[in-house]
Each structure stands twice: as structure tokens, then as C-alpha cells.
């Protein structure tokens, strides 16, 4: 395709200008597959007019879908995993080139800045070996764009986003005739909230029931994770993660990670809550004990913990933990370190995790789509888009960003839906203990908790940045899909799964 001259063209014909491209490839195992990259249009019915009107295109959503080259009869039994990241405003690049796709970013640098020039390597653990994959970039992320002439923020909100991504899923499943295939959703970060709400919407709106839900690295946005000033329950949700990060950086000498986090979990769920709730009513000796215990677990000084009244804001934690070494720690992954422009700054101004990896994933997706898949689009591929902000809250003023109710509804409506929840110990962005606390509040019978499996990894928000955790995570997904679809376990291994909630 020839280059586009922006001076003589407009964005009015994305579908005509950037036609879908299908290419054929083969896994090292010999499995032949096809990849289709291109746009799906979102249509809106105009119900504002008294007379009937044709639906109009409101947005064009970029999708990359992988399907094994099998006879149509065989496709019905093959699982489909539909994948998105979060943000809001994130493209699917992170899960695409970090965990699911047949090619991935080389993460051999570990929790340090990836070294340019960057390269992609074959992902021998790709779920494509046993399931078809659909990667969705929500509106105004990746190459997806709102249609010119439409309201710019048409899909920039909780309800609007869920409706739009749900419709794309329905369209893909319908056009590819996969209504009878075992369907799975995989969502990371805000994709956990999106995925939970979509699972409920697809079942209620279309009777489209999922077989499994893979939730990666986020809370459900419930009461345990209120970030408002003074919210008591938010502080204990972070404390076990603070303890894990402090352990990684050598501030719990002579102790194992499991021992440290177990102590922090017990403290966060009991005595610490009592300390916070009593506030100024604490006798001096009890307050001194609370300060000392909290400081010991989090790796901070007693003077600092006392000065913030036991309430440790995560933005301050990034800057404070390793201040004595002149370093800040990462939000996405507390193992990564960086520097503040001002060494005495109260908060960290940048996340060293994002700074370490963004270049590799940016180069990776732009190279992969053009070089490997032959898809050419002159628009900038938006890794994480700011154009989706401000993000509109739900229309229900009492629901906030809470997805506990939606996941509960999906589990109640679909008695065979199962959930695999992946959580990283070093994730300060969305701490794992907050997710565990949220899950304990699901509005389902206690006996149904057997359908939810939680797995902890010695990694951060993007679990697959750690190679040992990536291999384990890929194996856990493979075993989950195999168990729910009656397939042979493709890994041939016994999992190291954690206990159910």
C-alpha cells in the first residue's frame, strides 16, 4: 500500500483505506494458522427519530485474530480466548506480545530497562497451540478510532466501553460462526473490571455464555479498594504488597517471601484494621506498637509511618522506600527502580517499570504488524491513549467502578462459568490482597466459590515480565482451558495452582 498523504486525505474512510489483511503461518509444532488484522465497525441504532433509520457507523475497532487452519467441523470444538488490556486507554499490545501471541518481546533483561535495539522471539508457550485468539483494541487505543463526525468521547466511559467491546465480541463470534465453541475472556488490569461486566452483559443481553474468565492483575474495584482520602480499608489492601516489595529489596534479611507476606496478610486483616479504626483513641503504647509493626513490615522508618498516621499512600511509598539509596520503585512492578528528578520529592514523578518496557513493546507491535503480518496502517498505534480521558463513571451513581456485582451476576446466571484469577505479589498498582478481599465479598453462595481459582506469582502487575512467572502463567492458562473443555493438558504437567478463594 502506498503512503498516505495527510494533506489530501481525511479520516473518513478508514475501512476503505486500511483493508483487512490475512496471512498464514505455522507454529514450531507444525500447527498452521491464519491471522487477520483489520477493523470491525461499531453500529448505533438512531432511536432519536420518530421514523426508522439505518444504523450508522460510530467507531472502527482494530482486531487481530488468530485461527487454526482446521476444517469447519473441527473449529466448533476449538476454544476461543478473547483478550484485552485495561487502562482505561490501553491497547492490547501488552498481553499480545507479552503472553498470548505467537511472538513475544524478549524479556531476558528481567526487572531492569530492556536494552535497544529490541527484538521479538517465538513464544513457544502461546495458547494458540490449543485455542484461537482474538486481540481487541478498544475505541481510541491501538489503531481503533471514533468515526469522524461522531461524539469524540462516545465510548470513553464504563458503561459505553462495556457495551462497545461486548458488541465487538458478539460480532466476531457471529461472523466467524463460533457460537458453539468454548469461549473465554482474558482481561488485564482495568480489563478485569471490563471483563467481569462484559461476562454479565453478554449473558444477559445476548444469551452468550462464557466457559471461562481469566482475570489478571487487578482488584474488582469494590469497597476494599476505595482510594478516597481517609478510606480505612484501602491501606490494609496495600500492606502485604508493601511487605513483599520491601522483602525483594533486601529489607527483610534472613526471611523468606512466603513467611513475610503471610505475616503481613494476617496483620492487615486483623490487628492493623483495629489500629486504623480506633485512630486517636489508641493508647500511646498501642500506637507505638502499631507504628513499629507497620514500619517493620513495610520497610519504612518508624518516624515516617508515625508522621503519616499509619496510612501509607502508594504514591509516597514509591519515593520513600528506597530514598536512602537515591531510588524510587515501580508502580506496575515494585522490583523495578529509577530516579526522581528531585531526590527529596514527596512522590515519584515517573514509573520506572513503564520507562523500562514501553520502548520494547512499542517497537515490537509496530514491527510485528507490518513485518510479520503485512498489515500497513499510517496512523500511530496508541499503546496507552490519553484521548479516552476523562473516563465517564457508570450511569448508576451507586455502582462506581465496582465489578463485584457484575461478576456475581455472571456467576449466578451461568452456573458453569469458572474464573482463574492471576495476582502478582509486587503489583503496587492494584495490590493482590485487595483482590482477595473483593472476592470474599462476592454475592454468591459460599459453595460456589469453588469455581474461582486464585494464583499468586512472584511478579508484578504484568506478571509475564518475569520469565519464571511467565512460564508458570502460560501453563496455568493451558491447564485451565484444558480442564474446562475436556482437552488433554497441553503442558503435560501438574499445576502449582494456589487454593481457591
Protein backbone atom coordinates (compact mmCIF):
# COMPACT_ATOMS: atom_id res chain seq x y z
CA UNK A 1 0.00 0.00 0.00
CA UNK A 2 1.37 3.42 -0.91
CA UNK A 3 2.00 6.02 1.79
CA UNK A 4 -0.94 8.24 2.73
CA UNK A 5 -0.67 11.98 2.16
CA UNK A 6 -2.41 13.58 5.14
CA UNK A 7 -2.80 16.83 3.25
CA UNK A 8 -5.07 15.27 0.65
CA UNK A 9 -6.94 12.73 2.73
CA UNK A 10 -9.16 12.67 5.78
CA UNK A 11 -10.03 10.03 8.34
CA UNK A 12 -13.46 9.43 6.82
CA UNK A 13 -12.63 6.19 5.04
CA UNK A 14 -10.62 4.10 7.46
CA UNK A 15 -12.30 0.90 6.31
CA UNK A 16 -11.61 1.64 2.66
CA UNK A 17 -8.09 2.88 3.21
CA UNK A 18 -6.92 0.10 5.54
CA UNK A 19 -8.38 -3.13 4.30
CA UNK A 20 -8.09 -6.27 6.45
CA UNK A 21 -5.05 -8.42 5.79
CA UNK A 22 -4.95 -12.20 6.24
CA UNK A 23 -1.64 -14.03 6.38
CA UNK A 24 -0.78 -17.67 7.01
CA UNK A 25 1.88 -19.01 9.34
CA UNK A 26 2.95 -22.10 11.24
CA UNK A 27 3.89 -22.75 14.85
CA UNK A 28 7.11 -24.65 15.58
CA UNK A 29 4.87 -27.61 16.43
CA UNK A 30 3.60 -27.65 12.85
CA UNK A 31 0.15 -26.18 13.55
CA UNK A 32 -0.89 -24.00 10.60
CA UNK A 33 -2.87 -20.88 11.42
CA UNK A 34 -4.22 -17.71 9.81
CA UNK A 35 -4.01 -14.19 11.21
CA UNK A 36 -6.48 -11.49 10.19
CA UNK A 37 -5.80 -7.87 11.10
CA UNK A 38 -8.28 -5.10 10.42
CA UNK A 39 -11.31 -3.15 11.55
CA UNK A 40 -14.73 -4.12 12.83
CA UNK A 41 -17.31 -1.31 12.74
CA UNK A 42 -19.50 -0.46 15.69
CA UNK A 43 -23.03 0.44 14.66
CA UNK A 44 -25.56 2.52 16.57
CA UNK A 45 -29.31 2.50 16.02
CA UNK A 46 -30.68 6.04 15.84
CA UNK A 47 -33.64 5.91 18.22
CA UNK A 48 -33.98 9.68 18.47
CA UNK A 49 -36.08 9.93 15.28
CA UNK A 50 -39.78 9.07 15.09
CA UNK A 51 -39.22 7.08 11.90
CA UNK A 52 -36.99 4.07 11.37
CA UNK A 53 -33.42 4.83 10.29
CA UNK A 54 -30.49 2.72 9.20
CA UNK A 55 -27.81 2.15 11.83
CA UNK A 56 -24.74 4.35 11.45
CA UNK A 57 -21.07 3.56 11.96
CA UNK A 58 -19.85 5.23 15.15
CA UNK A 59 -16.35 3.74 15.55
CA UNK A 60 -13.91 1.33 13.93
CA UNK A 61 -12.25 -1.15 16.25
CA UNK A 62 -8.92 -2.77 15.38
CA UNK A 63 -8.73 -6.53 15.91
CA UNK A 64 -6.03 -9.14 15.42
CA UNK A 65 -7.47 -12.65 15.32
CA UNK A 66 -5.65 -15.98 15.11
CA UNK A 67 -7.42 -19.12 13.92
CA UNK A 68 -6.01 -22.58 13.38
CA UNK A 69 -6.37 -23.83 9.81
CA UNK A 70 -8.87 -26.58 10.56
CA UNK A 71 -11.99 -27.91 8.83
CA UNK A 72 -15.14 -26.04 9.84
CA UNK A 73 -16.45 -29.08 11.71
CA UNK A 74 -13.34 -29.14 13.90
CA UNK A 75 -13.48 -25.44 14.72
CA UNK A 76 -16.66 -25.83 16.76
CA UNK A 77 -14.77 -27.70 19.47
CA UNK A 78 -11.72 -25.45 19.49
CA UNK A 79 -11.69 -22.87 22.32
CA UNK A 80 -11.55 -19.14 21.61
CA UNK A 81 -9.82 -16.73 24.01
CA UNK A 82 -10.84 -13.07 23.57
CA UNK A 83 -8.21 -10.75 25.03
CA UNK A 84 -7.91 -7.09 26.04
CA UNK A 85 -5.84 -4.99 28.41
CA UNK A 86 -7.12 -2.16 30.54
CA UNK A 87 -6.13 1.41 31.29
CA UNK A 88 -8.69 2.74 30.61
CA UNK A 89 -6.95 3.72 27.40
CA UNK A 90 -4.61 0.77 26.94
CA UNK A 91 -4.27 -1.19 23.73
CA UNK A 92 -3.92 -4.98 23.81
CA UNK A 93 -0.20 -4.84 22.98
CA UNK A 94 0.94 -5.94 26.45
CA UNK A 95 -0.94 -9.25 26.56
CA UNK A 96 -0.46 -9.69 22.81
CA UNK A 97 3.35 -9.53 22.84
CA UNK A 98 3.87 -10.46 26.47
CA UNK A 99 1.86 -13.63 26.99
CA UNK A 100 -0.65 -14.77 24.35
CA UNK A 101 0.66 -14.17 20.83
CA UNK A 102 2.95 -16.50 18.85
CA UNK A 103 5.72 -13.88 19.01
CA UNK A 104 6.70 -12.01 22.15
CA UNK A 105 9.00 -9.30 23.41
CA UNK A 106 12.31 -10.64 24.66
CA UNK A 107 12.11 -10.09 28.44
CA UNK A 108 15.51 -11.57 29.31
CA UNK A 109 16.59 -8.27 30.90
CA UNK A 110 14.45 -9.07 33.95
CA UNK A 111 13.39 -6.17 36.23
CA UNK A 112 15.75 -3.73 34.51
CA UNK A 113 15.41 -1.47 31.46
CA UNK A 114 15.14 -3.53 28.27
CA UNK A 115 18.11 -2.90 26.01
CA UNK A 116 17.59 -1.49 22.49
CA UNK A 117 17.59 -2.48 19.71
CA UNK A 118 14.62 -4.60 20.71
CA UNK A 119 13.65 -7.92 19.23
CA UNK A 120 10.78 -10.34 19.11
CA UNK A 121 11.25 -14.03 19.75
CA UNK A 122 8.96 -17.00 19.16
CA UNK A 123 6.56 -17.64 22.00
CA UNK A 124 6.67 -21.40 22.35
CA UNK A 125 4.09 -21.23 25.15
CA UNK A 126 1.45 -19.37 23.13
CA UNK A 127 -2.13 -20.51 23.84
CA UNK A 128 -2.61 -20.53 20.06
CA UNK A 129 -1.35 -24.11 20.28
CA UNK A 130 -4.74 -25.13 21.73
CA UNK A 131 -7.09 -22.15 21.28
CA UNK A 132 -7.90 -19.45 18.75
CA UNK A 133 -7.10 -15.91 19.90
CA UNK A 134 -8.82 -12.55 19.38
CA UNK A 135 -6.99 -9.37 20.46
CA UNK A 136 -9.20 -6.27 20.78
CA UNK A 137 -8.03 -2.66 20.93
CA UNK A 138 -10.94 -0.69 22.44
CA UNK A 139 -12.02 2.56 20.80
CA UNK A 140 -9.22 5.15 20.50
CA UNK A 141 -6.48 2.71 21.55
CA UNK A 142 -4.11 0.97 19.14
CA UNK A 143 -5.39 1.73 15.63
CA UNK A 144 -9.04 1.96 16.77
CA UNK A 145 -10.74 5.30 16.21
CA UNK A 146 -14.08 7.01 16.74
CA UNK A 147 -15.77 7.71 13.40
CA UNK A 148 -15.34 11.36 12.25
CA UNK A 149 -18.46 13.36 12.87
CA UNK A 150 -19.36 11.33 15.95
CA UNK A 151 -19.06 12.49 19.52
CA UNK A 152 -15.35 12.16 20.35
CA UNK A 153 -15.92 10.55 23.74
CA UNK A 154 -18.72 8.24 22.60
CA UNK A 155 -17.08 5.12 24.09
CA UNK A 156 -14.97 6.76 26.80
CA UNK A 157 -16.78 5.55 29.90
CA UNK A 158 -17.55 2.48 31.99
CA UNK A 159 -20.97 1.70 30.52
CA UNK A 160 -20.14 2.81 26.98
CA UNK A 161 -16.91 0.81 26.87
CA UNK A 162 -18.59 -2.37 28.12
CA UNK A 163 -21.36 -2.00 25.56
CA UNK A 164 -18.91 -1.36 22.71
CA UNK A 165 -16.47 -4.18 23.48
CA UNK A 166 -19.37 -6.57 24.10
CA UNK A 167 -20.77 -5.75 20.69
CA UNK A 168 -17.40 -6.36 19.03
CA UNK A 169 -17.24 -9.77 20.72
CA UNK A 170 -20.76 -10.62 19.57
CA UNK A 171 -19.91 -9.56 16.03
CA UNK A 172 -16.70 -11.60 15.89
CA UNK A 173 -18.33 -14.72 17.30
CA UNK A 174 -21.24 -14.36 14.86
CA UNK A 175 -19.20 -13.66 11.72
CA UNK A 176 -16.79 -16.49 12.47
CA UNK A 177 -19.63 -18.87 13.38
CA UNK A 178 -18.20 -19.68 16.81
CA UNK A 179 -21.34 -19.55 18.97
CA UNK A 180 -20.90 -23.24 19.81
CA UNK A 181 -17.19 -23.01 20.63
CA UNK A 182 -15.94 -22.84 24.26
CA UNK A 183 -15.46 -19.10 24.78
CA UNK A 184 -13.04 -17.49 27.24
CA UNK A 185 -12.28 -13.87 28.09
CA UNK A 186 -8.86 -12.71 29.33
CA UNK A 187 -8.57 -9.19 30.75
CA UNK A 188 -5.67 -7.48 32.50
CA UNK A 189 -5.76 -4.52 34.91
CA UNK A 190 -8.87 -2.42 34.13
CA UNK A 191 -9.63 -5.34 31.81
CA UNK A 192 -10.58 -7.26 34.99
CA UNK A 193 -13.42 -4.81 35.64
CA UNK A 194 -14.30 -4.67 31.94
CA UNK A 195 -14.21 -8.46 31.59
CA UNK A 196 -16.39 -9.03 34.65
CA UNK A 197 -19.01 -6.59 33.40
CA UNK A 198 -18.85 -7.97 29.84
CA UNK A 199 -19.35 -11.53 31.07
CA UNK A 200 -22.58 -10.42 32.74
CA UNK A 201 -23.73 -8.30 29.77
CA UNK A 202 -23.10 -10.99 27.14
CA UNK A 203 -25.13 -13.48 29.15
CA UNK A 204 -27.99 -11.11 29.95
CA UNK A 205 -28.18 -9.21 26.65
CA UNK A 206 -27.39 -11.94 24.11
CA UNK A 207 -27.50 -15.28 25.89
CA UNK A 208 -23.81 -15.64 25.05
CA UNK A 209 -22.39 -17.71 27.91
CA UNK A 210 -18.66 -17.93 28.54
CA UNK A 211 -16.90 -21.08 29.67
CA UNK A 212 -14.10 -19.32 31.50
CA UNK A 213 -12.88 -15.93 32.63
CA UNK A 214 -9.14 -15.24 33.05
CA UNK A 215 -8.66 -12.17 35.24
CA UNK A 216 -5.13 -10.78 35.50
CA UNK A 217 -3.76 -8.26 37.99
CA UNK A 218 -6.47 -6.08 39.40
CA UNK A 219 -8.97 -5.76 42.15
CA UNK A 220 -12.67 -5.70 41.29
CA UNK A 221 -12.94 -2.10 42.40
CA UNK A 222 -15.04 -2.91 45.44
CA UNK A 223 -15.24 -1.50 48.93
CA UNK A 224 -11.83 -2.81 49.99
CA UNK A 225 -10.17 -0.63 47.39
CA UNK A 226 -11.66 2.79 48.00
CA UNK A 227 -8.90 5.26 47.11
CA UNK A 228 -10.69 8.28 48.57
CA UNK A 229 -8.80 10.23 51.23
CA UNK A 230 -9.14 8.70 54.66
CA UNK A 231 -10.57 5.41 53.42
CA UNK A 232 -9.57 2.92 56.09
CA UNK A 233 -9.88 -0.28 54.05
CA UNK A 234 -7.58 0.85 51.27
CA UNK A 235 -4.45 0.91 53.46
CA UNK A 236 -4.56 -2.75 54.58
CA UNK A 237 -5.14 -3.82 50.97
CA UNK A 238 -1.69 -2.46 50.08
CA UNK A 239 0.23 -3.58 53.15
CA UNK A 240 1.07 -7.17 52.08
CA UNK A 241 2.33 -5.83 48.74
CA UNK A 242 4.48 -3.25 50.52
CA UNK A 243 5.92 -6.08 52.62
CA UNK A 244 6.67 -8.17 49.51
CA UNK A 245 8.40 -5.26 47.75
CA UNK A 246 10.42 -4.47 50.87
CA UNK A 247 11.47 -8.13 51.00
CA UNK A 248 12.59 -8.07 47.36
CA UNK A 249 14.82 -5.06 48.06
CA UNK A 250 16.53 -6.76 50.99
CA UNK A 251 14.68 -5.10 53.85
CA UNK A 252 13.63 -8.39 55.47
CA UNK A 253 17.03 -10.08 55.79
CA UNK A 254 17.06 -13.75 56.65
CA UNK A 255 13.34 -14.27 55.94
CA UNK A 256 11.53 -15.95 53.03
CA UNK A 257 8.90 -14.18 50.92
CA UNK A 258 6.14 -16.61 51.89
CA UNK A 259 6.79 -16.00 55.59
CA UNK A 260 6.78 -12.22 55.17
CA UNK A 261 3.56 -12.00 53.15
CA UNK A 262 1.75 -14.47 55.41
CA UNK A 263 2.56 -12.27 58.42
CA UNK A 264 1.51 -9.14 56.52
CA UNK A 265 -1.79 -10.70 55.39
CA UNK A 266 -2.68 -11.72 58.93
CA UNK A 267 -1.75 -8.30 60.30
CA UNK A 268 -3.60 -6.42 57.54
CA UNK A 269 -6.80 -8.41 58.11
CA UNK A 270 -6.86 -8.12 61.89
CA UNK A 271 -4.79 -6.04 64.25
CA UNK A 272 -3.94 -3.34 61.69
CA UNK A 273 -7.63 -2.73 60.94
CA UNK A 274 -8.27 -2.26 64.64
CA UNK A 275 -5.41 0.22 64.92
CA UNK A 276 -6.72 2.28 62.00
CA UNK A 277 -10.35 2.22 63.10
CA UNK A 278 -9.52 3.49 66.60
CA UNK A 279 -7.37 6.35 65.34
CA UNK A 280 -6.73 8.91 68.12
CA UNK A 281 -8.43 6.61 70.61
CA UNK A 282 -5.36 4.34 70.58
CA UNK A 283 -3.45 4.45 73.88
CA UNK A 284 0.16 5.66 73.39
CA UNK A 285 1.67 2.24 73.99
CA UNK A 286 -0.62 0.61 71.43
CA UNK A 287 0.11 3.32 68.90
CA UNK A 288 3.82 2.82 69.39
CA UNK A 289 3.35 -0.91 68.80
CA UNK A 290 1.28 -0.22 65.64
CA UNK A 291 3.94 2.13 64.26
CA UNK A 292 6.77 -0.32 64.95
CA UNK A 293 4.94 -3.30 63.43
CA UNK A 294 3.83 -1.39 60.33
CA UNK A 295 7.32 0.02 59.79
CA UNK A 296 8.93 -3.39 60.20
CA UNK A 297 6.66 -4.99 57.58
CA UNK A 298 6.68 -2.18 55.01
CA UNK A 299 10.40 -1.41 55.19
CA UNK A 300 9.77 2.23 56.11
CA UNK A 301 11.15 4.06 59.10
CA UNK A 302 9.03 4.29 62.28
CA UNK A 303 9.27 8.09 62.14
CA UNK A 304 7.82 8.12 58.64
CA UNK A 305 4.98 5.70 59.50
CA UNK A 306 4.16 7.80 62.56
CA UNK A 307 4.17 11.03 60.54
CA UNK A 308 1.61 9.68 58.03
CA UNK A 309 -0.59 8.32 60.82
CA UNK A 310 -0.17 4.68 59.68
CA UNK A 311 -1.84 5.48 56.34
CA UNK A 312 0.78 4.86 53.64
CA UNK A 313 -0.20 6.36 50.30
CA UNK A 314 1.17 4.28 47.44
CA UNK A 315 2.42 7.35 45.54
CA UNK A 316 4.52 8.27 48.54
CA UNK A 317 5.68 4.69 49.02
CA UNK A 318 7.33 4.62 45.59
CA UNK A 319 9.51 7.57 46.59
CA UNK A 320 10.08 6.74 50.24
CA UNK A 321 11.03 3.04 50.38
CA UNK A 322 14.50 3.35 48.81
CA UNK A 323 15.07 7.06 49.34
CA UNK A 324 18.16 6.17 51.39
CA UNK A 325 19.60 4.62 48.21
CA UNK A 326 18.55 7.52 45.99
CA UNK A 327 15.99 5.33 44.17
CA UNK A 328 12.25 5.09 43.54
CA UNK A 329 10.37 1.83 42.98
CA UNK A 330 7.90 0.93 40.24
CA UNK A 331 4.13 1.07 40.46
CA UNK A 332 3.46 -1.61 37.85
CA UNK A 333 6.21 -3.75 39.35
CA UNK A 334 7.87 -2.83 42.63
CA UNK A 335 11.05 -4.70 41.69
CA UNK A 336 11.98 -2.04 39.09
CA UNK A 337 13.87 1.02 40.30
CA UNK A 338 14.50 4.50 38.91
CA UNK A 339 15.26 8.08 39.97
CA UNK A 340 13.25 11.17 40.75
CA UNK A 341 14.33 14.50 39.28
CA UNK A 342 14.20 15.74 42.85
CA UNK A 343 15.68 13.24 45.30
CA UNK A 344 13.69 14.85 48.13
CA UNK A 345 10.40 14.72 46.23
CA UNK A 346 7.36 13.56 48.17
CA UNK A 347 6.09 11.33 45.35
CA UNK A 348 7.67 9.57 42.37
CA UNK A 349 7.07 11.51 39.17
CA UNK A 350 7.53 8.53 36.84
CA UNK A 351 7.02 4.78 36.95
CA UNK A 352 10.39 3.12 36.23
CA UNK A 353 8.56 -0.02 35.08
CA UNK A 354 6.84 1.82 32.25
CA UNK A 355 10.05 3.61 31.34
CA UNK A 356 11.89 0.28 31.19
CA UNK A 357 9.48 -1.60 28.91
CA UNK A 358 7.49 0.84 26.76
CA UNK A 359 10.15 1.07 24.05
CA UNK A 360 10.34 -2.69 23.60
CA UNK A 361 6.57 -3.11 23.29
CA UNK A 362 6.19 -0.04 21.07
CA UNK A 363 8.87 -1.22 18.66
CA UNK A 364 7.54 -4.76 18.90
CA UNK A 365 3.94 -4.08 17.85
CA UNK A 366 4.85 -1.67 15.04
CA UNK A 367 7.40 -4.12 13.65
CA UNK A 368 5.19 -7.17 14.15
CA UNK A 369 2.09 -5.84 12.41
CA UNK A 370 3.98 -4.62 9.34
CA UNK A 371 6.83 -7.11 9.02
CA UNK A 372 5.29 -10.34 10.27
CA UNK A 373 1.64 -9.83 9.35
CA UNK A 374 1.95 -7.49 6.35
CA UNK A 375 -0.58 -5.01 7.75
CA UNK A 376 0.18 -1.37 6.98
CA UNK A 377 -1.55 1.50 8.72
CA UNK A 378 -0.11 5.01 8.85
CA UNK A 379 -1.99 6.03 11.97
CA UNK A 380 0.06 6.00 15.19
CA UNK A 381 -0.52 2.82 17.16
CA UNK A 382 -1.63 4.17 20.55
CA UNK A 383 -0.04 1.96 23.22
CA UNK A 384 -1.75 3.87 26.03
CA UNK A 385 -4.04 6.65 24.87
CA UNK A 386 -4.82 9.80 26.79
CA UNK A 387 -7.62 10.67 24.37
CA UNK A 388 -10.04 8.47 26.35
CA UNK A 389 -9.88 10.78 29.36
CA UNK A 390 -11.83 11.92 31.26
CA UNK A 391 -13.35 8.44 31.69
CA UNK A 392 -17.08 8.69 32.41
CA UNK A 393 -18.37 6.86 35.50
CA UNK A 394 -21.33 4.48 35.29
CA UNK A 395 -24.82 5.94 34.98
CA UNK A 396 -25.73 4.18 38.22
CA UNK A 397 -24.39 6.66 40.80
CA UNK A 398 -24.08 3.94 43.45
CA UNK A 399 -22.02 1.43 41.46
CA UNK A 400 -18.82 3.43 40.87
CA UNK A 401 -16.20 1.23 39.23
CA UNK A 402 -17.31 -1.75 41.31
CA UNK A 403 -17.39 -5.00 39.32
CA UNK A 404 -18.15 -7.28 42.26
CA UNK A 405 -21.85 -7.12 41.49
CA UNK A 406 -21.28 -7.79 37.78
CA UNK A 407 -19.04 -10.81 38.39
CA UNK A 408 -21.52 -12.11 40.96
CA UNK A 409 -24.33 -11.74 38.43
CA UNK A 410 -22.34 -13.55 35.73
CA UNK A 411 -21.58 -16.43 38.10
CA UNK A 412 -25.21 -16.67 39.22
CA UNK A 413 -26.61 -16.61 35.69
CA UNK A 414 -24.08 -19.01 34.18
CA UNK A 415 -23.71 -21.95 36.55
CA UNK A 416 -20.76 -23.35 34.57
CA UNK A 417 -18.68 -20.17 34.33
CA UNK A 418 -15.32 -20.55 36.08
CA UNK A 419 -12.71 -17.93 36.92
CA UNK A 420 -8.93 -18.10 37.10
CA UNK A 421 -7.50 -15.05 38.88
CA UNK A 422 -3.78 -14.17 38.49
CA UNK A 423 -2.18 -11.88 41.07
CA UNK A 424 1.38 -10.57 41.46
CA UNK A 425 2.99 -10.02 44.85
CA UNK A 426 4.96 -6.98 43.61
CA UNK A 427 2.00 -5.20 41.95
CA UNK A 428 1.61 -1.85 43.73
CA UNK A 429 -0.74 -0.55 41.02
CA UNK A 430 -3.53 -2.93 42.06
CA UNK A 431 -2.45 -4.88 45.17
CA UNK A 432 -3.27 -8.56 45.29
CA UNK A 433 -4.69 -8.50 48.81
CA UNK A 434 -7.34 -6.04 47.67
CA UNK A 435 -8.45 -8.55 45.03
CA UNK A 436 -8.58 -11.36 47.58
CA UNK A 437 -10.69 -9.16 49.85
CA UNK A 438 -13.02 -8.23 46.98
CA UNK A 439 -13.52 -11.87 46.01
CA UNK A 440 -14.52 -12.69 49.58
CA UNK A 441 -17.44 -10.29 49.11
CA UNK A 442 -18.94 -11.90 46.00
CA UNK A 443 -22.72 -12.18 46.16
CA UNK A 444 -22.89 -15.91 45.52
CA UNK A 445 -23.39 -18.94 47.80
CA UNK A 446 -20.24 -19.90 49.64
CA UNK A 447 -20.32 -23.31 47.93
CA UNK A 448 -19.91 -21.61 44.53
CA UNK A 449 -16.51 -20.18 45.47
CA UNK A 450 -15.10 -23.48 44.20
CA UNK A 451 -15.49 -22.00 40.70
CA UNK A 452 -12.86 -19.35 41.42
CA UNK A 453 -9.17 -20.20 41.45
CA UNK A 454 -6.61 -17.63 42.61
CA UNK A 455 -2.92 -17.94 41.78
CA UNK A 456 -0.15 -15.76 43.19
CA UNK A 457 3.08 -15.10 41.28
CA UNK A 458 6.41 -13.63 42.33
CA UNK A 459 5.98 -10.84 39.81
CA UNK A 460 4.21 -7.52 39.37
CA UNK A 461 1.16 -6.15 37.56
CA UNK A 462 2.40 -7.51 34.23
CA UNK A 463 3.15 -10.99 35.51
CA UNK A 464 4.80 -12.14 32.27
CA UNK A 465 7.67 -9.64 32.60
CA UNK A 466 9.23 -12.18 34.95
CA UNK A 467 10.33 -15.20 32.91
CA UNK A 468 9.73 -17.82 35.59
CA UNK A 469 6.29 -16.38 36.26
CA UNK A 470 5.52 -16.13 32.52
CA UNK A 471 6.19 -19.82 32.04
CA UNK A 472 4.08 -20.72 35.03
CA UNK A 473 1.26 -18.36 33.99
CA UNK A 474 1.17 -19.82 30.49
CA UNK A 475 0.98 -23.30 31.98
CA UNK A 476 -1.79 -22.28 34.36
CA UNK A 477 -3.88 -20.90 31.48
CA UNK A 478 -3.29 -24.06 29.45
CA UNK A 479 -4.42 -26.29 32.29
CA UNK A 480 -7.47 -24.10 32.98
CA UNK A 481 -8.66 -24.24 29.37
CA UNK A 482 -7.92 -27.96 29.08
CA UNK A 483 -9.86 -28.79 32.24
CA UNK A 484 -12.92 -26.79 31.20
CA UNK A 485 -13.01 -28.13 27.64
CA UNK A 486 -12.12 -31.75 28.27
CA UNK A 487 -8.89 -31.50 26.28
CA UNK A 488 -5.68 -33.23 27.21
CA UNK A 489 -3.43 -30.97 29.26
CA UNK A 490 -1.12 -29.45 26.59
CA UNK A 491 1.66 -28.92 29.14
CA UNK A 492 1.71 -32.48 30.41
CA UNK A 493 2.42 -31.09 33.86
CA UNK A 494 0.71 -30.77 37.20
CA UNK A 495 -0.02 -27.16 38.05
CA UNK A 496 1.24 -25.21 41.05
CA UNK A 497 -2.10 -23.53 41.47
CA UNK A 498 -2.95 -21.78 44.69
CA UNK A 499 -6.03 -22.64 46.72
CA UNK A 500 -9.45 -21.49 45.68
CA UNK A 501 -10.78 -18.38 47.42
